[in-house]
Amino acid sequence: LSAVIGSIIVGRSVFEGKVIDKPYETGLRYDEIEKVRSELRFELVNKKFHKGETEIIFLLTDSMGKPVIEPHLNFILSRPSTSKYDRGYQVSFIEPGKYKVKVDFPLYGYWDIKIYLTWNWKSVILEKRIYVNEH
């Protein structure tokens, strides 16, 4: 019983109040973002990557398999463990729904691809984790 009372006292003394402002509205925005994300498919064409300069080719389609037409894209590469290597890259159009990015991986290991996409007046972040080989 004293452990429970002690936990309550400590918990009340360190809790700063609200965790998030306007939780209902934040939840609605989250639901809308998830709805948009579920309507999109982000697929990598090339699956193997190597350290140094390389090209990433990817497809963006809707849930019916139709190409995403005229999206606004920001392509970011980052390491999961640090923001030191975060870099943005220019996306090039190949054909409707197909895009390429020339990137430079300074290190091998895991990398995160983040695409900040605005399409049909809605914004969403699409993510993939890839592994980059040393050679």
N, C-alpha and C. Protein backbone atom coordinates (compact mmCIF):
# COMPACT_ATOMS: atom_id res chain seq x y z
N LEU A 1 0.83 -1.19 0.00
CA LEU A 1 0.00 0.00 0.00
C LEU A 1 0.87 1.25 0.00
N SER A 2 1.96 1.22 0.76
CA SER A 2 2.82 2.41 0.80
C SER A 2 3.52 2.63 -0.55
N ALA A 3 3.80 1.54 -1.30
CA ALA A 3 4.42 1.70 -2.63
C ALA A 3 3.45 2.38 -3.59
N VAL A 4 2.18 2.02 -3.53
CA VAL A 4 1.17 2.64 -4.40
C VAL A 4 1.02 4.12 -4.05
N ILE A 5 0.93 4.44 -2.79
CA ILE A 5 0.79 5.84 -2.35
C ILE A 5 2.03 6.64 -2.76
N GLY A 6 3.21 6.05 -2.60
CA GLY A 6 4.45 6.71 -3.01
C GLY A 6 4.47 6.97 -4.51
N SER A 7 4.01 6.01 -5.30
CA SER A 7 3.95 6.18 -6.76
C SER A 7 3.00 7.29 -7.15
N ILE A 8 1.87 7.39 -6.49
CA ILE A 8 0.90 8.45 -6.77
C ILE A 8 1.50 9.81 -6.45
N ILE A 9 2.15 9.92 -5.31
CA ILE A 9 2.76 11.20 -4.90
C ILE A 9 3.83 11.62 -5.91
N VAL A 10 4.71 10.70 -6.27
CA VAL A 10 5.77 11.02 -7.24
C VAL A 10 5.17 11.35 -8.59
N GLY A 11 4.18 10.58 -9.03
CA GLY A 11 3.53 10.82 -10.32
C GLY A 11 2.89 12.19 -10.39
N ARG A 12 2.21 12.58 -9.33
CA ARG A 12 1.55 13.89 -9.31
C ARG A 12 2.57 15.03 -9.28
N SER A 13 3.70 14.81 -8.65
CA SER A 13 4.69 15.89 -8.55
C SER A 13 5.46 16.09 -9.85
N VAL A 14 5.57 15.08 -10.71
CA VAL A 14 6.32 15.25 -11.96
C VAL A 14 5.43 15.46 -13.17
N PHE A 15 4.15 15.17 -13.09
CA PHE A 15 3.24 15.37 -14.22
C PHE A 15 2.99 16.86 -14.41
N GLU A 16 3.21 17.34 -15.62
CA GLU A 16 3.13 18.78 -15.91
C GLU A 16 1.77 19.23 -16.43
N GLY A 17 0.82 18.37 -16.50
CA GLY A 17 -0.49 18.77 -16.99
C GLY A 17 -0.83 18.09 -18.30
N LYS A 18 -1.39 18.85 -19.22
CA LYS A 18 -1.82 18.30 -20.50
C LYS A 18 -0.66 17.69 -21.27
N VAL A 19 -0.92 16.58 -21.91
CA VAL A 19 0.07 15.95 -22.77
C VAL A 19 0.04 16.63 -24.14
N ILE A 20 -1.15 17.00 -24.61
CA ILE A 20 -1.30 17.62 -25.93
C ILE A 20 -2.45 18.62 -25.86
N ASP A 21 -2.28 19.76 -26.54
CA ASP A 21 -3.37 20.73 -26.64
C ASP A 21 -4.39 20.23 -27.64
N LYS A 22 -5.64 20.46 -27.36
CA LYS A 22 -6.74 20.10 -28.24
C LYS A 22 -6.65 18.65 -28.73
N PRO A 23 -6.75 17.70 -27.83
CA PRO A 23 -6.59 16.29 -28.22
C PRO A 23 -7.63 15.81 -29.23
N TYR A 24 -8.86 16.31 -29.15
CA TYR A 24 -9.90 15.87 -30.09
C TYR A 24 -9.56 16.30 -31.51
N GLU A 25 -9.19 17.58 -31.68
CA GLU A 25 -8.85 18.10 -33.00
C GLU A 25 -7.59 17.43 -33.54
N THR A 26 -6.63 17.18 -32.65
CA THR A 26 -5.40 16.49 -33.05
C THR A 26 -5.71 15.08 -33.52
N GLY A 27 -6.61 14.42 -32.84
CA GLY A 27 -7.02 13.08 -33.24
C GLY A 27 -7.72 13.06 -34.59
N LEU A 28 -8.56 14.06 -34.84
CA LEU A 28 -9.23 14.16 -36.14
C LEU A 28 -8.22 14.37 -37.27
N ARG A 29 -7.22 15.25 -37.04
CA ARG A 29 -6.18 15.47 -38.05
C ARG A 29 -5.39 14.19 -38.30
N TYR A 30 -5.07 13.47 -37.23
CA TYR A 30 -4.35 12.21 -37.36
C TYR A 30 -5.16 11.21 -38.19
N ASP A 31 -6.46 11.11 -37.92
CA ASP A 31 -7.32 10.20 -38.68
C ASP A 31 -7.34 10.58 -40.16
N GLU A 32 -7.38 11.87 -40.46
CA GLU A 32 -7.39 12.31 -41.86
C GLU A 32 -6.07 11.98 -42.55
N ILE A 33 -4.96 12.18 -41.84
CA ILE A 33 -3.64 11.85 -42.40
C ILE A 33 -3.55 10.35 -42.67
N GLU A 34 -4.02 9.53 -41.74
CA GLU A 34 -3.99 8.09 -41.93
C GLU A 34 -4.88 7.65 -43.09
N LYS A 35 -6.01 8.35 -43.28
CA LYS A 35 -6.89 8.05 -44.41
C LYS A 35 -6.17 8.33 -45.72
N VAL A 36 -5.50 9.48 -45.82
CA VAL A 36 -4.74 9.82 -47.02
C VAL A 36 -3.63 8.80 -47.23
N ARG A 37 -2.90 8.46 -46.16
CA ARG A 37 -1.80 7.49 -46.26
C ARG A 37 -2.32 6.13 -46.76
N SER A 38 -3.51 5.73 -46.32
CA SER A 38 -4.06 4.44 -46.75
C SER A 38 -4.48 4.46 -48.22
N GLU A 39 -4.67 5.66 -48.78
CA GLU A 39 -5.05 5.80 -50.19
C GLU A 39 -3.85 5.81 -51.11
N LEU A 40 -2.64 5.79 -50.56
CA LEU A 40 -1.42 5.90 -51.37
C LEU A 40 -0.55 4.66 -51.23
N ARG A 41 0.18 4.37 -52.29
CA ARG A 41 1.17 3.29 -52.27
C ARG A 41 2.52 3.88 -52.68
N PHE A 42 3.53 3.63 -51.86
CA PHE A 42 4.90 4.09 -52.10
C PHE A 42 5.75 2.83 -52.21
N GLU A 43 6.28 2.56 -53.41
CA GLU A 43 7.02 1.33 -53.64
C GLU A 43 8.36 1.65 -54.29
N LEU A 44 9.41 1.04 -53.78
CA LEU A 44 10.74 1.20 -54.37
C LEU A 44 10.89 0.21 -55.52
N VAL A 45 11.38 0.72 -56.67
CA VAL A 45 11.61 -0.15 -57.82
C VAL A 45 12.92 -0.91 -57.62
N ASN A 46 13.98 -0.17 -57.30
CA ASN A 46 15.26 -0.84 -57.02
C ASN A 46 15.32 -1.14 -55.53
N LYS A 47 15.77 -2.34 -55.20
CA LYS A 47 15.75 -2.81 -53.81
C LYS A 47 17.14 -2.86 -53.17
N LYS A 48 18.20 -2.83 -53.99
CA LYS A 48 19.56 -2.91 -53.46
C LYS A 48 20.27 -1.58 -53.65
N PHE A 49 20.93 -1.14 -52.58
CA PHE A 49 21.61 0.15 -52.61
C PHE A 49 23.03 -0.03 -52.10
N HIS A 50 23.93 0.84 -52.55
CA HIS A 50 25.32 0.76 -52.12
C HIS A 50 25.81 2.12 -51.67
N LYS A 51 26.84 2.09 -50.87
CA LYS A 51 27.46 3.32 -50.35
C LYS A 51 27.97 4.16 -51.52
N GLY A 52 27.85 5.47 -51.40
CA GLY A 52 28.28 6.38 -52.45
C GLY A 52 27.09 6.86 -53.27
N GLU A 53 27.39 7.37 -54.45
CA GLU A 53 26.33 7.89 -55.31
C GLU A 53 25.54 6.75 -55.93
N THR A 54 24.24 6.87 -55.89
CA THR A 54 23.34 5.87 -56.46
C THR A 54 22.01 6.54 -56.78
N GLU A 55 21.12 5.78 -57.37
CA GLU A 55 19.83 6.31 -57.77
C GLU A 55 18.72 5.50 -57.11
N ILE A 56 17.72 6.18 -56.62
CA ILE A 56 16.53 5.53 -56.06
C ILE A 56 15.38 5.81 -57.00
N ILE A 57 14.73 4.75 -57.45
CA ILE A 57 13.55 4.88 -58.32
C ILE A 57 12.36 4.36 -57.52
N PHE A 58 11.28 5.14 -57.54
CA PHE A 58 10.10 4.74 -56.77
C PHE A 58 8.81 5.04 -57.51
N LEU A 59 7.77 4.35 -57.10
CA LEU A 59 6.44 4.51 -57.66
C LEU A 59 5.51 5.10 -56.62
N LEU A 60 4.64 5.99 -57.04
CA LEU A 60 3.57 6.53 -56.20
C LEU A 60 2.26 6.29 -56.92
N THR A 61 1.40 5.47 -56.31
CA THR A 61 0.10 5.20 -56.89
C THR A 61 -0.98 5.34 -55.82
N ASP A 62 -2.22 5.42 -56.29
CA ASP A 62 -3.32 5.43 -55.33
C ASP A 62 -3.71 3.99 -55.01
N SER A 63 -4.71 3.81 -54.20
CA SER A 63 -5.10 2.46 -53.76
C SER A 63 -5.64 1.61 -54.91
N MET A 64 -6.02 2.24 -56.02
CA MET A 64 -6.52 1.51 -57.19
C MET A 64 -5.39 1.21 -58.19
N GLY A 65 -4.16 1.62 -57.86
CA GLY A 65 -3.03 1.37 -58.74
C GLY A 65 -2.79 2.44 -59.79
N LYS A 66 -3.57 3.52 -59.74
CA LYS A 66 -3.41 4.61 -60.72
C LYS A 66 -2.28 5.53 -60.24
N PRO A 67 -1.49 6.08 -61.18
CA PRO A 67 -0.38 6.96 -60.80
C PRO A 67 -0.86 8.21 -60.07
N VAL A 68 -0.09 8.62 -59.10
CA VAL A 68 -0.35 9.89 -58.41
C VAL A 68 0.15 10.99 -59.34
N ILE A 69 -0.77 11.83 -59.80
CA ILE A 69 -0.45 12.86 -60.79
C ILE A 69 -0.15 14.18 -60.10
N GLU A 70 0.96 14.79 -60.49
CA GLU A 70 1.38 16.12 -60.05
C GLU A 70 1.41 16.30 -58.53
N PRO A 71 2.08 15.42 -57.83
CA PRO A 71 2.23 15.66 -56.39
C PRO A 71 3.35 16.66 -56.14
N HIS A 72 3.32 17.30 -55.02
CA HIS A 72 4.45 18.12 -54.57
C HIS A 72 5.24 17.24 -53.62
N LEU A 73 6.54 17.01 -53.94
CA LEU A 73 7.35 16.06 -53.18
C LEU A 73 8.58 16.71 -52.58
N ASN A 74 8.87 16.37 -51.34
CA ASN A 74 10.16 16.67 -50.70
C ASN A 74 10.73 15.33 -50.26
N PHE A 75 11.92 15.00 -50.75
CA PHE A 75 12.55 13.72 -50.49
C PHE A 75 13.69 13.92 -49.50
N ILE A 76 13.63 13.23 -48.36
CA ILE A 76 14.63 13.36 -47.30
C ILE A 76 15.21 11.99 -46.98
N LEU A 77 16.54 11.92 -46.88
CA LEU A 77 17.23 10.73 -46.40
C LEU A 77 17.77 11.03 -45.02
N SER A 78 17.66 10.07 -44.10
CA SER A 78 18.21 10.27 -42.77
C SER A 78 18.63 8.94 -42.17
N ARG A 79 19.53 9.02 -41.21
CA ARG A 79 19.95 7.84 -40.46
C ARG A 79 18.99 7.69 -39.28
N PRO A 80 18.61 6.46 -38.93
CA PRO A 80 17.70 6.27 -37.79
C PRO A 80 18.28 6.77 -36.47
N SER A 81 19.61 6.74 -36.33
CA SER A 81 20.21 7.04 -35.04
C SER A 81 20.64 8.49 -34.84
N THR A 82 20.65 9.29 -35.91
CA THR A 82 21.13 10.67 -35.80
C THR A 82 20.55 11.53 -36.92
N SER A 83 20.46 12.81 -36.67
CA SER A 83 20.03 13.73 -37.73
C SER A 83 21.22 14.36 -38.43
N LYS A 84 22.42 13.97 -38.06
CA LYS A 84 23.64 14.54 -38.62
C LYS A 84 23.72 14.38 -40.14
N TYR A 85 23.19 13.30 -40.67
CA TYR A 85 23.29 13.02 -42.11
C TYR A 85 21.99 13.30 -42.87
N ASP A 86 21.04 13.97 -42.25
CA ASP A 86 19.79 14.29 -42.94
C ASP A 86 20.07 15.17 -44.16
N ARG A 87 19.54 14.76 -45.30
CA ARG A 87 19.74 15.50 -46.54
C ARG A 87 18.45 15.47 -47.36
N GLY A 88 18.19 16.58 -48.02
CA GLY A 88 17.08 16.65 -48.96
C GLY A 88 17.60 16.52 -50.37
N TYR A 89 16.83 15.90 -51.25
CA TYR A 89 17.25 15.68 -52.63
C TYR A 89 16.13 16.07 -53.59
N GLN A 90 16.53 16.45 -54.79
CA GLN A 90 15.61 16.83 -55.85
C GLN A 90 15.02 15.57 -56.49
N VAL A 91 13.72 15.54 -56.63
CA VAL A 91 13.02 14.41 -57.26
C VAL A 91 12.83 14.73 -58.74
N SER A 92 13.14 13.74 -59.60
CA SER A 92 12.95 13.89 -61.05
C SER A 92 11.80 13.01 -61.51
N PHE A 93 11.01 13.54 -62.40
CA PHE A 93 9.87 12.84 -62.98
C PHE A 93 10.36 11.92 -64.09
N ILE A 94 9.91 10.66 -64.09
CA ILE A 94 10.22 9.73 -65.18
C ILE A 94 8.99 9.58 -66.06
N GLU A 95 7.89 9.21 -65.45
CA GLU A 95 6.60 9.07 -66.12
C GLU A 95 5.54 9.17 -65.04
N PRO A 96 4.26 9.29 -65.40
CA PRO A 96 3.24 9.43 -64.35
C PRO A 96 3.35 8.32 -63.29
N GLY A 97 3.55 8.75 -62.05
CA GLY A 97 3.64 7.82 -60.93
C GLY A 97 5.02 7.25 -60.69
N LYS A 98 5.99 7.54 -61.56
CA LYS A 98 7.34 6.99 -61.43
C LYS A 98 8.35 8.13 -61.33
N TYR A 99 9.21 8.05 -60.29
CA TYR A 99 10.14 9.13 -59.99
C TYR A 99 11.52 8.58 -59.67
N LYS A 100 12.53 9.44 -59.82
CA LYS A 100 13.88 9.02 -59.45
C LYS A 100 14.58 10.14 -58.68
N VAL A 101 15.53 9.71 -57.87
CA VAL A 101 16.31 10.63 -57.05
C VAL A 101 17.76 10.16 -57.07
N LYS A 102 18.67 11.05 -57.38
CA LYS A 102 20.09 10.74 -57.29
C LYS A 102 20.56 11.14 -55.90
N VAL A 103 21.10 10.16 -55.16
CA VAL A 103 21.49 10.39 -53.77
C VAL A 103 22.94 9.97 -53.56
N ASP A 104 23.47 10.37 -52.42
CA ASP A 104 24.82 9.98 -52.02
C ASP A 104 24.76 9.46 -50.60
N PHE A 105 25.01 8.16 -50.43
CA PHE A 105 25.04 7.55 -49.11
C PHE A 105 26.48 7.59 -48.60
N PRO A 106 26.80 8.42 -47.60
CA PRO A 106 28.17 8.49 -47.09
C PRO A 106 28.55 7.28 -46.24
N LEU A 107 27.55 6.55 -45.73
CA LEU A 107 27.80 5.41 -44.85
C LEU A 107 26.91 4.24 -45.26
N TYR A 108 27.37 3.04 -45.00
CA TYR A 108 26.51 1.88 -45.20
C TYR A 108 25.68 1.68 -43.93
N GLY A 109 24.65 0.86 -44.04
CA GLY A 109 23.78 0.59 -42.91
C GLY A 109 22.35 1.00 -43.21
N TYR A 110 21.56 1.16 -42.16
CA TYR A 110 20.16 1.50 -42.32
C TYR A 110 19.97 3.00 -42.55
N TRP A 111 19.06 3.31 -43.46
CA TRP A 111 18.68 4.69 -43.77
C TRP A 111 17.16 4.75 -43.85
N ASP A 112 16.62 5.92 -43.53
CA ASP A 112 15.18 6.15 -43.66
C ASP A 112 14.92 7.08 -44.82
N ILE A 113 13.97 6.69 -45.66
CA ILE A 113 13.49 7.56 -46.73
C ILE A 113 12.19 8.16 -46.23
N LYS A 114 12.10 9.48 -46.32
CA LYS A 114 10.86 10.17 -45.97
C LYS A 114 10.46 11.04 -47.14
N ILE A 115 9.25 10.83 -47.60
CA ILE A 115 8.71 11.66 -48.67
C ILE A 115 7.57 12.48 -48.08
N TYR A 116 7.77 13.79 -48.08
CA TYR A 116 6.73 14.72 -47.65
C TYR A 116 5.93 15.04 -48.90
N LEU A 117 4.71 14.55 -48.96
CA LEU A 117 3.91 14.61 -50.17
C LEU A 117 2.66 15.44 -49.94
N THR A 118 2.39 16.33 -50.87
CA THR A 118 1.12 17.06 -50.89
C THR A 118 0.44 16.71 -52.20
N TRP A 119 -0.79 16.21 -52.08
CA TRP A 119 -1.54 15.73 -53.24
C TRP A 119 -3.02 15.93 -52.96
N ASN A 120 -3.73 16.47 -53.93
CA ASN A 120 -5.16 16.76 -53.77
C ASN A 120 -5.42 17.59 -52.52
N TRP A 121 -4.57 18.54 -52.27
CA TRP A 121 -4.70 19.48 -51.15
C TRP A 121 -4.53 18.82 -49.79
N LYS A 122 -3.96 17.64 -49.76
CA LYS A 122 -3.73 16.94 -48.50
C LYS A 122 -2.25 16.62 -48.39
N SER A 123 -1.72 16.68 -47.17
CA SER A 123 -0.31 16.40 -46.93
C SER A 123 -0.13 15.17 -46.07
N VAL A 124 0.93 14.43 -46.38
CA VAL A 124 1.22 13.20 -45.67
C VAL A 124 2.71 12.91 -45.78
N ILE A 125 3.23 12.11 -44.85
CA ILE A 125 4.62 11.66 -44.90
C ILE A 125 4.61 10.16 -45.17
N LEU A 126 5.32 9.76 -46.22
CA LEU A 126 5.48 8.35 -46.55
C LEU A 126 6.90 7.95 -46.19
N GLU A 127 7.06 6.78 -45.55
CA GLU A 127 8.38 6.39 -45.06
C GLU A 127 8.72 4.96 -45.44
N LYS A 128 10.01 4.73 -45.65
CA LYS A 128 10.55 3.39 -45.87
C LYS A 128 11.93 3.35 -45.23
N ARG A 129 12.27 2.20 -44.68
CA ARG A 129 13.63 1.98 -44.16
C ARG A 129 14.33 1.04 -45.13
N ILE A 130 15.56 1.41 -45.51
CA ILE A 130 16.34 0.60 -46.45
C ILE A 130 17.69 0.28 -45.83
N TYR A 131 18.34 -0.71 -46.42
CA TYR A 131 19.70 -1.05 -45.99
C TYR A 131 20.64 -0.76 -47.16
N VAL A 132 21.72 -0.05 -46.86
CA VAL A 132 22.72 0.31 -47.86
C VAL A 132 23.95 -0.56 -47.61
N ASN A 133 24.36 -1.29 -48.66
CA ASN A 133 25.56 -2.15 -48.57
C ASN A 133 26.82 -1.32 -48.71
N GLU A 134 27.92 -1.86 -48.18
CA GLU A 134 29.18 -1.13 -48.25
C GLU A 134 29.72 -1.08 -49.67
N HIS A 135 29.49 -2.12 -50.47
CA HIS A 135 29.99 -2.16 -51.85
C HIS A 135 28.87 -2.35 -52.83
